[in-house]
Amino acid sequence: MSENSNHPVHGTMAPKKQRSKTISGRTLTQREVQEGKDLQDWMDVRRPRTRGQCRDGIRPCPFVGCKYHLYLDVNPDTHSIKKNFPHKEVWELEETCALDVAERGGLTLEEVGELLNLTRERIRQMESLGVDRLSGNIQRDGTD
């Protein structure tokens, strides 16, 4: 199938979705990790501490280190960085804050997938797992 294939239902050209990219913490030098920590410490001084402080903040949100930011995810244990939108810059995203999106509510699986750069099916799987966990059918580690 080509990068721009005809959509089976609408007959329109659909651009191929680019997958997220993970940068392993192992490829980062100790100096780079320390620079990141120093930068984070510097940013934390200026970053809003509460939802009330950031709710009406500038958008797109410049604080990509925030755990609610949609641009990237940082794993504190492995130091890996996952760029959710490697083909875009942060200012090119329509939405940058998961909390803004959650407050509006009422999104379809397709819309959530678009915001997270995931497929509709993966969002459905995550939703199902969350519902199972909330209902007590499944433990946090995935066992029944």
Protein backbone atom coordinates (compact mmCIF):
# COMPACT_ATOMS: atom_id res chain seq x y z
CA MET A 1 0.00 0.00 0.00
CA SER A 2 1.40 3.43 -0.88
CA GLU A 3 1.99 6.27 1.57
CA ASN A 4 -1.10 8.08 0.30
CA SER A 5 -3.67 5.42 -0.49
CA ASN A 6 -7.29 5.88 -1.36
CA HIS A 7 -9.59 5.71 1.62
CA PRO A 8 -11.86 2.66 1.20
CA VAL A 9 -15.02 4.51 2.24
CA HIS A 10 -14.52 8.18 1.37
CA GLY A 11 -12.34 7.74 -1.71
CA THR A 12 -9.99 10.51 -0.53
CA MET A 13 -6.25 10.49 -0.14
CA ALA A 14 -5.28 9.77 3.47
CA PRO A 15 -1.75 10.65 4.56
CA LYS A 16 0.15 7.85 6.28
CA LYS A 17 0.31 8.35 10.03
CA GLN A 18 3.87 8.65 11.33
CA ARG A 19 4.58 6.57 14.43
CA SER A 20 5.99 7.95 17.63
CA LYS A 21 9.74 7.73 18.14
CA THR A 22 11.46 6.69 21.35
CA ILE A 23 14.94 7.87 22.22
CA SER A 24 16.53 5.37 24.58
CA GLY A 25 17.94 6.70 27.80
CA ARG A 26 20.95 4.48 27.17
CA THR A 27 21.95 6.56 24.14
CA LEU A 28 22.04 9.72 26.22
CA THR A 29 25.37 10.60 27.79
CA GLN A 30 25.55 11.34 31.51
CA ARG A 31 26.19 14.97 30.58
CA GLU A 32 23.02 15.09 28.46
CA VAL A 33 20.96 13.54 31.27
CA GLN A 34 22.36 16.07 33.74
CA GLU A 35 21.65 18.94 31.32
CA GLY A 36 18.06 17.71 31.07
CA LYS A 37 17.72 17.54 34.85
CA ASP A 38 19.22 21.03 35.22
CA LEU A 39 16.85 22.38 32.57
CA GLN A 40 13.90 20.69 34.28
CA ASP A 41 14.89 22.24 37.61
CA TRP A 42 15.06 25.63 35.90
CA MET A 43 11.69 25.12 34.19
CA ASP A 44 9.97 23.93 37.39
CA VAL A 45 10.56 27.34 38.96
CA ARG A 46 8.53 28.98 36.21
CA ARG A 47 6.10 26.19 35.42
CA PRO A 48 2.59 26.39 36.91
CA ARG A 49 2.18 24.22 39.99
CA THR A 50 -1.60 23.78 39.90
CA ARG A 51 -4.25 23.25 37.26
CA GLY A 52 -5.75 26.60 38.23
CA GLN A 53 -2.45 28.32 37.40
CA CYS A 54 -2.11 26.71 33.98
CA ARG A 55 -5.75 26.54 32.86
CA ASP A 56 -5.62 29.95 31.19
CA GLY A 57 -1.91 29.78 30.35
CA ILE A 58 -0.41 30.28 26.94
CA ARG A 59 -1.21 27.73 24.27
CA PRO A 60 0.41 25.81 22.78
CA CYS A 61 1.87 25.01 26.17
CA PRO A 62 5.66 25.42 26.19
CA PHE A 63 6.18 23.06 29.14
CA VAL A 64 6.79 19.79 27.26
CA GLY A 65 8.21 18.25 30.46
CA CYS A 66 4.78 18.35 32.10
CA LYS A 67 3.29 14.87 32.46
CA TYR A 68 0.05 16.10 30.87
CA HIS A 69 1.73 17.53 27.77
CA LEU A 70 0.86 15.63 24.59
CA TYR A 71 4.11 16.27 22.70
CA LEU A 72 6.36 13.83 24.52
CA ASP A 73 6.51 11.32 27.35
CA VAL A 74 9.50 10.90 29.63
CA ASN A 75 10.12 7.67 31.52
CA PRO A 76 11.86 8.68 34.77
CA ASP A 77 13.14 5.13 35.38
CA THR A 78 14.82 4.52 32.01
CA HIS A 79 15.32 8.18 31.01
CA SER A 80 13.79 7.32 27.63
CA ILE A 81 11.96 10.06 25.77
CA LYS A 82 9.04 9.24 23.49
CA LYS A 83 8.25 11.88 20.89
CA ASN A 84 4.57 11.32 20.15
CA PHE A 85 4.71 13.54 17.06
CA PRO A 86 8.23 13.25 15.59
CA HIS A 87 7.06 14.86 12.36
CA LYS A 88 5.79 18.04 14.10
CA GLU A 89 7.12 20.80 16.29
CA VAL A 90 5.29 21.54 19.54
CA TRP A 91 3.74 24.75 18.17
CA GLU A 92 2.22 22.79 15.27
CA LEU A 93 -0.02 20.69 17.53
CA GLU A 94 -3.69 21.64 17.72
CA GLU A 95 -3.79 20.51 21.36
CA THR A 96 -0.90 20.30 23.79
CA CYS A 97 -2.53 19.68 27.18
CA ALA A 98 -4.35 16.45 28.07
CA LEU A 99 -6.14 18.25 30.91
CA ASP A 100 -7.63 20.82 28.49
CA VAL A 101 -8.91 17.97 26.33
CA ALA A 102 -10.31 16.04 29.32
CA GLU A 103 -12.18 19.09 30.62
CA ARG A 104 -13.97 19.49 27.29
CA GLY A 105 -14.85 15.77 27.16
CA GLY A 106 -17.06 14.05 24.61
CA LEU A 107 -14.42 12.86 22.13
CA THR A 108 -14.72 9.87 19.84
CA LEU A 109 -12.08 7.14 19.74
CA GLU A 110 -10.87 8.57 16.42
CA GLU A 111 -10.48 12.05 17.92
CA VAL A 112 -8.58 10.73 20.93
CA GLY A 113 -6.37 8.66 18.62
CA GLU A 114 -5.61 11.76 16.55
CA LEU A 115 -4.63 13.72 19.66
CA LEU A 116 -2.35 10.95 20.94
CA ASN A 117 -1.02 9.81 17.54
CA LEU A 118 -2.46 6.33 18.14
CA THR A 119 -4.91 4.23 16.19
CA ARG A 120 -8.60 4.04 17.02
CA GLU A 121 -8.11 0.34 17.86
CA ARG A 122 -5.31 1.07 20.35
CA ILE A 123 -7.48 3.70 22.05
CA ARG A 124 -10.34 1.17 22.25
CA GLN A 125 -7.98 -1.37 23.87
CA MET A 126 -6.78 1.20 26.40
CA GLU A 127 -10.37 2.21 27.17
CA SER A 128 -11.36 -1.42 27.70
CA LEU A 129 -8.39 -2.04 30.00
CA GLY A 130 -9.23 1.09 32.01
CA VAL A 131 -12.86 0.05 32.42
CA ASP A 132 -11.78 -3.44 33.52
CA ARG A 133 -9.38 -1.97 36.08
CA LEU A 134 -12.02 0.40 37.43
CA SER A 135 -14.54 -2.41 37.76
CA GLY A 136 -11.98 -4.53 39.63
CA ASN A 137 -11.81 -7.28 37.00
CA ILE A 138 -8.10 -6.88 36.43
CA GLN A 139 -5.11 -6.00 38.60
CA ARG A 140 -2.62 -3.24 37.78
CA ASP A 141 -0.05 -5.80 36.59
CA GLY A 142 -2.53 -7.22 34.05
CA THR A 143 -3.44 -10.44 35.87
CA ASP A 144 -7.03 -11.53 36.39
